[in-house]
Every structure is written in C-alpha cells, then in structure tokens.
C-alpha cells in the first residue's frame, strides 16, 4: 500500500492535501481523484467555472503520477 497526495488547482489557486491517502491499488487513483474534485467543488460551491481545475496526484517522494481534470456534473 502506498500513500498519495491529491492536490486540486487551477494554476492560480490550490487546495493542498497535506495528509494524503493510502491507496492499495494504483488503478484506484483516478477514482479517488474524482472524489477529491467533487469535494472541492462542494466546498467552493460559489464557483461556476471548473474548466481549468484538475487534481494532481503525487507519491510521497513528490513525483506526479496522475493529473485528472475536474468533471462537472452540470
């Protein structure tokens, strides 16, 4: 099992994941990235345009392993 951090950003603003999450299977990273995107959209619900936002997933060495754009449900 490895720990990953899921940071959300639009290039100007960032929601940092200081704690991270243990993920057993690497194929589950995209699912967790989607959950993080939904959590950020809910927390910052006054925003309307999520087109520039993405979740950047990093292992504990800081290596980026996945970048996934936000998907709006609207």
PDB file of N, CA and C in Angstrom:
ATOM      1  N   UNK A   1       0.859  -1.169   0.000  1.00  0.00           N
ATOM      2  CA  UNK A   1       0.000   0.000   0.000  1.00  0.00           C
ATOM      3  C   UNK A   1       0.902   1.228   0.000  1.00  0.00           C
ATOM      4  N   UNK A   2       0.514   2.220  -0.760  1.00  0.00           N
ATOM      5  CA  UNK A   2       1.303   3.448  -0.836  1.00  0.00           C
ATOM      6  C   UNK A   2       0.419   4.644  -0.502  1.00  0.00           C
ATOM      7  N   UNK A   3       1.040   5.699  -0.019  1.00  0.00           N
ATOM      8  CA  UNK A   3       0.312   6.930   0.306  1.00  0.00           C
ATOM      9  C   UNK A   3       0.524   7.924  -0.824  1.00  0.00           C
ATOM     10  N   UNK A   4      -0.578   8.574  -1.202  1.00  0.00           N
ATOM     11  CA  UNK A   4      -0.568   9.580  -2.260  1.00  0.00           C
ATOM     12  C   UNK A   4      -1.227  10.851  -1.748  1.00  0.00           C
ATOM     13  N   UNK A   5      -0.805  11.979  -2.313  1.00  0.00           N
ATOM     14  CA  UNK A   5      -1.429  13.258  -2.006  1.00  0.00           C
ATOM     15  C   UNK A   5      -2.186  13.728  -3.239  1.00  0.00           C
ATOM     16  N   UNK A   6      -3.354  14.299  -3.008  1.00  0.00           N
ATOM     17  CA  UNK A   6      -4.269  14.710  -4.074  1.00  0.00           C
ATOM     18  C   UNK A   6      -4.486  16.221  -3.970  1.00  0.00           C
ATOM     19  N   UNK A   7      -3.742  16.984  -4.768  1.00  0.00           N
ATOM     20  CA  UNK A   7      -3.838  18.444  -4.745  1.00  0.00           C
ATOM     21  C   UNK A   7      -4.761  18.910  -5.874  1.00  0.00           C
ATOM     22  N   UNK A   8      -5.618  19.869  -5.577  1.00  0.00           N
ATOM     23  CA  UNK A   8      -6.523  20.422  -6.591  1.00  0.00           C
ATOM     24  C   UNK A   8      -6.081  21.846  -6.905  1.00  0.00           C
ATOM     25  N   UNK A   9      -5.997  22.183  -8.198  1.00  0.00           N
ATOM     26  CA  UNK A   9      -5.537  23.513  -8.581  1.00  0.00           C
ATOM     27  C   UNK A   9      -6.109  23.934  -9.931  1.00  0.00           C
ATOM     28  N   UNK A  10      -6.149  25.248 -10.108  1.00  0.00           N
ATOM     29  CA  UNK A  10      -6.484  25.808 -11.413  1.00  0.00           C
ATOM     30  C   UNK A  10      -5.284  26.570 -11.980  1.00  0.00           C
ATOM     31  N   UNK A  11      -4.144  26.435 -11.346  1.00  0.00           N
ATOM     32  CA  UNK A  11      -2.936  27.123 -11.759  1.00  0.00           C
ATOM     33  C   UNK A  11      -2.690  28.410 -10.989  1.00  0.00           C
ATOM     34  N   UNK A  12      -3.728  28.934 -10.347  1.00  0.00           N
ATOM     35  CA  UNK A  12      -3.618  30.156  -9.545  1.00  0.00           C
ATOM     36  C   UNK A  12      -3.958  29.902  -8.087  1.00  0.00           C
ATOM     37  N   UNK A  13      -4.943  29.067  -7.867  1.00  0.00           N
ATOM     38  CA  UNK A  13      -5.380  28.698  -6.526  1.00  0.00           C
ATOM     39  C   UNK A  13      -5.104  27.215  -6.340  1.00  0.00           C
ATOM     40  N   UNK A  14      -4.928  26.810  -5.091  1.00  0.00           N
ATOM     41  CA  UNK A  14      -4.635  25.401  -4.842  1.00  0.00           C
ATOM     42  C   UNK A  14      -5.258  24.960  -3.526  1.00  0.00           C
ATOM     43  N   UNK A  15      -5.798  23.766  -3.531  1.00  0.00           N
ATOM     44  CA  UNK A  15      -6.262  23.110  -2.316  1.00  0.00           C
ATOM     45  C   UNK A  15      -5.287  21.960  -2.087  1.00  0.00           C
ATOM     46  N   UNK A  16      -4.404  22.120  -1.082  1.00  0.00           N
ATOM     47  CA  UNK A  16      -3.362  21.140  -0.827  1.00  0.00           C
ATOM     48  C   UNK A  16      -3.869  20.008   0.059  1.00  0.00           C
ATOM     49  N   UNK A  17      -3.407  18.828  -0.244  1.00  0.00           N
ATOM     50  CA  UNK A  17      -3.678  17.650   0.560  1.00  0.00           C
ATOM     51  C   UNK A  17      -2.420  17.352   1.360  1.00  0.00           C
ATOM     52  N   UNK A  18      -2.356  17.861   2.575  1.00  0.00           N
ATOM     53  CA  UNK A  18      -1.161  17.683   3.407  1.00  0.00           C
ATOM     54  C   UNK A  18      -1.078  16.291   4.016  1.00  0.00           C
ATOM     55  N   UNK A  19      -2.205  15.632   4.150  1.00  0.00           N
ATOM     56  CA  UNK A  19      -2.248  14.346   4.828  1.00  0.00           C
ATOM     57  C   UNK A  19      -2.073  13.166   3.878  1.00  0.00           C
ATOM     58  N   UNK A  20      -2.728  13.215   2.750  1.00  0.00           N
ATOM     59  CA  UNK A  20      -2.643  12.117   1.799  1.00  0.00           C
ATOM     60  C   UNK A  20      -3.609  10.996   2.121  1.00  0.00           C
ATOM     61  N   UNK A  21      -3.578   9.990   1.291  1.00  0.00           N
ATOM     62  CA  UNK A  21      -4.483   8.841   1.448  1.00  0.00           C
ATOM     63  C   UNK A  21      -3.734   7.588   1.028  1.00  0.00           C
ATOM     64  N   UNK A  22      -3.875   6.533   1.806  1.00  0.00           N
ATOM     65  CA  UNK A  22      -3.299   5.242   1.435  1.00  0.00           C
ATOM     66  C   UNK A  22      -4.162   4.614   0.353  1.00  0.00           C
ATOM     67  N   UNK A  23      -3.518   4.216  -0.728  1.00  0.00           N
ATOM     68  CA  UNK A  23      -4.208   3.567  -1.848  1.00  0.00           C
ATOM     69  C   UNK A  23      -3.510   2.239  -2.101  1.00  0.00           C
ATOM     70  N   UNK A  24      -4.278   1.174  -2.052  1.00  0.00           N
ATOM     71  CA  UNK A  24      -3.707  -0.162  -2.217  1.00  0.00           C
ATOM     72  C   UNK A  24      -3.398  -0.467  -3.676  1.00  0.00           C
ATOM     73  N   UNK A  25      -4.311  -0.146  -4.577  1.00  0.00           N
ATOM     74  CA  UNK A  25      -4.139  -0.463  -5.990  1.00  0.00           C
ATOM     75  C   UNK A  25      -4.039   0.821  -6.810  1.00  0.00           C
ATOM     76  N   UNK A  26      -2.985   0.973  -7.607  1.00  0.00           N
ATOM     77  CA  UNK A  26      -2.810   2.200  -8.394  1.00  0.00           C
ATOM     78  C   UNK A  26      -3.998   2.533  -9.306  1.00  0.00           C
ATOM     79  N   UNK A  27      -4.729   1.529  -9.753  1.00  0.00           N
ATOM     80  CA  UNK A  27      -5.882   1.810 -10.621  1.00  0.00           C
ATOM     81  C   UNK A  27      -7.014   2.526  -9.878  1.00  0.00           C
ATOM     82  N   UNK A  28      -6.915   2.620  -8.575  1.00  0.00           N
ATOM     83  CA  UNK A  28      -7.926   3.350  -7.791  1.00  0.00           C
ATOM     84  C   UNK A  28      -7.597   4.834  -7.633  1.00  0.00           C
ATOM     85  N   UNK A  29      -6.444   5.258  -8.131  1.00  0.00           N
ATOM     86  CA  UNK A  29      -6.052   6.657  -8.020  1.00  0.00           C
ATOM     87  C   UNK A  29      -7.036   7.583  -8.732  1.00  0.00           C
ATOM     88  N   UNK A  30      -7.482   7.200  -9.920  1.00  0.00           N
ATOM     89  CA  UNK A  30      -8.412   8.047 -10.685  1.00  0.00           C
ATOM     90  C   UNK A  30      -9.740   8.188  -9.955  1.00  0.00           C
ATOM     91  N   UNK A  31     -10.208   7.124  -9.335  1.00  0.00           N
ATOM     92  CA  UNK A  31     -11.468   7.197  -8.587  1.00  0.00           C
ATOM     93  C   UNK A  31     -11.344   8.170  -7.417  1.00  0.00           C
ATOM     94  N   UNK A  32     -10.237   8.080  -6.687  1.00  0.00           N
ATOM     95  CA  UNK A  32     -10.035   8.998  -5.558  1.00  0.00           C
ATOM     96  C   UNK A  32      -9.863  10.431  -6.052  1.00  0.00           C
ATOM     97  N   UNK A  33      -9.193  10.625  -7.173  1.00  0.00           N
ATOM     98  CA  UNK A  33      -9.041  11.972  -7.739  1.00  0.00           C
ATOM     99  C   UNK A  33     -10.411  12.564  -8.062  1.00  0.00           C
ATOM    100  N   UNK A  34     -11.328  11.757  -8.578  1.00  0.00           N
ATOM    101  CA  UNK A  34     -12.687  12.218  -8.843  1.00  0.00           C
ATOM    102  C   UNK A  34     -13.416  12.599  -7.568  1.00  0.00           C
ATOM    103  N   UNK A  35     -13.217  11.826  -6.519  1.00  0.00           N
ATOM    104  CA  UNK A  35     -13.831  12.150  -5.227  1.00  0.00           C
ATOM    105  C   UNK A  35     -13.303  13.479  -4.699  1.00  0.00           C
ATOM    106  N   UNK A  36     -11.994  13.688  -4.826  1.00  0.00           N
ATOM    107  CA  UNK A  36     -11.387  14.939  -4.369  1.00  0.00           C
ATOM    108  C   UNK A  36     -11.961  16.111  -5.156  1.00  0.00           C
ATOM    109  N   UNK A  37     -12.094  15.960  -6.462  1.00  0.00           N
ATOM    110  CA  UNK A  37     -12.664  17.027  -7.288  1.00  0.00           C
ATOM    111  C   UNK A  37     -14.071  17.375  -6.821  1.00  0.00           C
ATOM    112  N   UNK A  38     -14.897  16.368  -6.573  1.00  0.00           N
ATOM    113  CA  UNK A  38     -16.266  16.622  -6.100  1.00  0.00           C
ATOM    114  C   UNK A  38     -16.268  17.304  -4.731  1.00  0.00           C
ATOM    115  N   UNK A  39     -15.364  16.895  -3.844  1.00  0.00           N
ATOM    116  CA  UNK A  39     -15.278  17.515  -2.521  1.00  0.00           C
ATOM    117  C   UNK A  39     -14.887  18.988  -2.624  1.00  0.00           C
ATOM    118  N   UNK A  40     -13.940  19.297  -3.494  1.00  0.00           N
ATOM    119  CA  UNK A  40     -13.516  20.688  -3.676  1.00  0.00           C
ATOM    120  C   UNK A  40     -14.642  21.508  -4.292  1.00  0.00           C
ATOM    121  N   UNK A  41     -15.333  20.958  -5.292  1.00  0.00           N
ATOM    122  CA  UNK A  41     -16.449  21.685  -5.914  1.00  0.00           C
ATOM    123  C   UNK A  41     -17.549  21.960  -4.891  1.00  0.00           C
ATOM    124  N   UNK A  42     -17.761  21.028  -3.988  1.00  0.00           N
ATOM    125  CA  UNK A  42     -18.768  21.228  -2.943  1.00  0.00           C
ATOM    126  C   UNK A  42     -18.313  22.295  -1.942  1.00  0.00           C
ATOM    127  N   UNK A  43     -17.041  22.234  -1.547  1.00  0.00           N
ATOM    128  CA  UNK A  43     -16.514  23.179  -0.561  1.00  0.00           C
ATOM    129  C   UNK A  43     -16.444  24.603  -1.118  1.00  0.00           C
ATOM    130  N   UNK A  44     -16.189  24.733  -2.404  1.00  0.00           N
ATOM    131  CA  UNK A  44     -16.091  26.041  -3.055  1.00  0.00           C
ATOM    132  C   UNK A  44     -17.280  26.241  -3.989  1.00  0.00           C
ATOM    133  N   UNK A  45     -18.475  25.966  -3.487  1.00  0.00           N
ATOM    134  CA  UNK A  45     -19.668  25.925  -4.319  1.00  0.00           C
ATOM    135  C   UNK A  45     -20.054  27.256  -4.957  1.00  0.00           C
ATOM    136  N   UNK A  46     -19.436  28.360  -4.521  1.00  0.00           N
ATOM    137  CA  UNK A  46     -19.748  29.658  -5.132  1.00  0.00           C
ATOM    138  C   UNK A  46     -19.102  29.801  -6.511  1.00  0.00           C
ATOM    139  N   UNK A  47     -18.222  28.880  -6.879  1.00  0.00           N
ATOM    140  CA  UNK A  47     -17.562  28.915  -8.190  1.00  0.00           C
ATOM    141  C   UNK A  47     -18.496  28.359  -9.247  1.00  0.00           C
ATOM    142  N   UNK A  48     -18.344  28.834 -10.462  1.00  0.00           N
ATOM    143  CA  UNK A  48     -19.156  28.314 -11.565  1.00  0.00           C
ATOM    144  C   UNK A  48     -18.325  27.630 -12.635  1.00  0.00           C
ATOM    145  N   UNK A  49     -17.090  28.080 -12.828  1.00  0.00           N
ATOM    146  CA  UNK A  49     -16.265  27.558 -13.908  1.00  0.00           C
ATOM    147  C   UNK A  49     -15.150  26.676 -13.343  1.00  0.00           C
ATOM    148  N   UNK A  50     -15.259  25.401 -13.595  1.00  0.00           N
ATOM    149  CA  UNK A  50     -14.249  24.444 -13.131  1.00  0.00           C
ATOM    150  C   UNK A  50     -13.366  23.957 -14.277  1.00  0.00           C
ATOM    151  N   UNK A  51     -13.475  24.603 -15.429  1.00  0.00           N
ATOM    152  CA  UNK A  51     -12.773  24.151 -16.626  1.00  0.00           C
ATOM    153  C   UNK A  51     -11.259  24.110 -16.515  1.00  0.00           C
ATOM    154  N   UNK A  52     -10.675  24.951 -15.689  1.00  0.00           N
ATOM    155  CA  UNK A  52      -9.221  24.994 -15.558  1.00  0.00           C
ATOM    156  C   UNK A  52      -8.701  24.157 -14.388  1.00  0.00           C
ATOM    157  N   UNK A  53      -9.597  23.610 -13.602  1.00  0.00           N
ATOM    158  CA  UNK A  53      -9.193  22.859 -12.411  1.00  0.00           C
ATOM    159  C   UNK A  53      -8.837  21.414 -12.738  1.00  0.00           C
ATOM    160  N   UNK A  54      -7.877  20.882 -12.009  1.00  0.00           N
ATOM    161  CA  UNK A  54      -7.509  19.472 -12.108  1.00  0.00           C
ATOM    162  C   UNK A  54      -6.972  18.994 -10.763  1.00  0.00           C
ATOM    163  N   UNK A  55      -6.947  17.685 -10.599  1.00  0.00           N
ATOM    164  CA  UNK A  55      -6.354  17.057  -9.419  1.00  0.00           C
ATOM    165  C   UNK A  55      -5.004  16.496  -9.839  1.00  0.00           C
ATOM    166  N   UNK A  56      -3.986  16.896  -9.127  1.00  0.00           N
ATOM    167  CA  UNK A  56      -2.629  16.429  -9.378  1.00  0.00           C
ATOM    168  C   UNK A  56      -2.258  15.463  -8.256  1.00  0.00           C
ATOM    169  N   UNK A  57      -1.988  14.227  -8.621  1.00  0.00           N
ATOM    170  CA  UNK A  57      -1.724  13.175  -7.639  1.00  0.00           C
ATOM    171  C   UNK A  57      -0.217  12.936  -7.565  1.00  0.00           C
ATOM    172  N   UNK A  58       0.308  12.935  -6.333  1.00  0.00           N
ATOM    173  CA  UNK A  58       1.749  12.779  -6.120  1.00  0.00           C
ATOM    174  C   UNK A  58       2.016  11.671  -5.112  1.00  0.00           C
ATOM    175  N   UNK A  59       3.094  10.915  -5.352  1.00  0.00           N
ATOM    176  CA  UNK A  59       3.504   9.953  -4.334  1.00  0.00           C
ATOM    177  C   UNK A  59       4.284  10.706  -3.262  1.00  0.00           C
ATOM    178  N   UNK A  60       4.716  10.022  -2.235  1.00  0.00           N
ATOM    179  CA  UNK A  60       5.366  10.698  -1.115  1.00  0.00           C
ATOM    180  C   UNK A  60       6.767  11.205  -1.430  1.00  0.00           C
ATOM    181  N   UNK A  61       7.327  10.824  -2.580  1.00  0.00           N
ATOM    182  CA  UNK A  61       8.612  11.393  -2.995  1.00  0.00           C
ATOM    183  C   UNK A  61       8.397  12.706  -3.737  1.00  0.00           C
ATOM    184  N   UNK A  62       7.116  13.036  -4.012  1.00  0.00           N
ATOM    185  CA  UNK A  62       6.801  14.254  -4.749  1.00  0.00           C
ATOM    186  C   UNK A  62       6.618  14.037  -6.231  1.00  0.00           C
ATOM    187  N   UNK A  63       6.797  12.817  -6.700  1.00  0.00           N
ATOM    188  CA  UNK A  63       6.652  12.512  -8.125  1.00  0.00           C
ATOM    189  C   UNK A  63       5.178  12.531  -8.505  1.00  0.00           C
ATOM    190  N   UNK A  64       4.849  13.281  -9.549  1.00  0.00           N
ATOM    191  CA  UNK A  64       3.465  13.328 -10.017  1.00  0.00           C
ATOM    192  C   UNK A  64       3.172  12.047 -10.785  1.00  0.00           C
ATOM    193  N   UNK A  65       2.092  11.378 -10.397  1.00  0.00           N
ATOM    194  CA  UNK A  65       1.750  10.096 -11.008  1.00  0.00           C
ATOM    195  C   UNK A  65       0.459  10.157 -11.818  1.00  0.00           C
ATOM    196  N   UNK A  66      -0.325  11.223 -11.635  1.00  0.00           N
ATOM    197  CA  UNK A  66      -1.593  11.345 -12.366  1.00  0.00           C
ATOM    198  C   UNK A  66      -2.060  12.795 -12.322  1.00  0.00           C
ATOM    199  N   UNK A  67      -2.596  13.259 -13.443  1.00  0.00           N
ATOM    200  CA  UNK A  67      -3.277  14.542 -13.496  1.00  0.00           C
ATOM    201  C   UNK A  67      -4.649  14.272 -14.101  1.00  0.00           C
ATOM    202  N   UNK A  68      -5.686  14.639 -13.372  1.00  0.00           N
ATOM    203  CA  UNK A  68      -7.046  14.368 -13.840  1.00  0.00           C
ATOM    204  C   UNK A  68      -7.877  15.654 -13.770  1.00  0.00           C
ATOM    205  N   UNK A  69      -8.446  16.083 -14.896  1.00  0.00           N
ATOM    206  CA  UNK A  69      -9.276  17.291 -14.879  1.00  0.00           C
ATOM    207  C   UNK A  69     -10.563  17.071 -14.082  1.00  0.00           C
ATOM    208  N   UNK A  70     -11.072  18.176 -13.522  1.00  0.00           N
ATOM    209  CA  UNK A  70     -12.376  18.117 -12.873  1.00  0.00           C
ATOM    210  C   UNK A  70     -13.414  17.813 -13.935  1.00  0.00           C
ATOM    211  N   UNK A  71     -14.425  17.061 -13.565  1.00  0.00           N
ATOM    212  CA  UNK A  71     -15.559  16.796 -14.438  1.00  0.00           C
ATOM    213  C   UNK A  71     -16.790  17.352 -13.753  1.00  0.00           C
ATOM    214  N   UNK A  72     -17.390  18.342 -14.369  1.00  0.00           N
ATOM    215  CA  UNK A  72     -18.576  18.962 -13.787  1.00  0.00           C
ATOM    216  C   UNK A  72     -19.802  18.120 -14.103  1.00  0.00           C
ATOM    217  N   UNK A  73     -20.675  17.990 -13.117  1.00  0.00           N
ATOM    218  CA  UNK A  73     -21.888  17.194 -13.306  1.00  0.00           C
ATOM    219  C   UNK A  73     -23.008  18.014 -13.925  1.00  0.00           C
ATOM    220  N   UNK A  74     -22.779  19.294 -14.201  1.00  0.00           N
ATOM    221  CA  UNK A  74     -23.840  20.124 -14.768  1.00  0.00           C
ATOM    222  C   UNK A  74     -23.871  20.071 -16.274  1.00  0.00           C
TER     223      UNK A  74
END
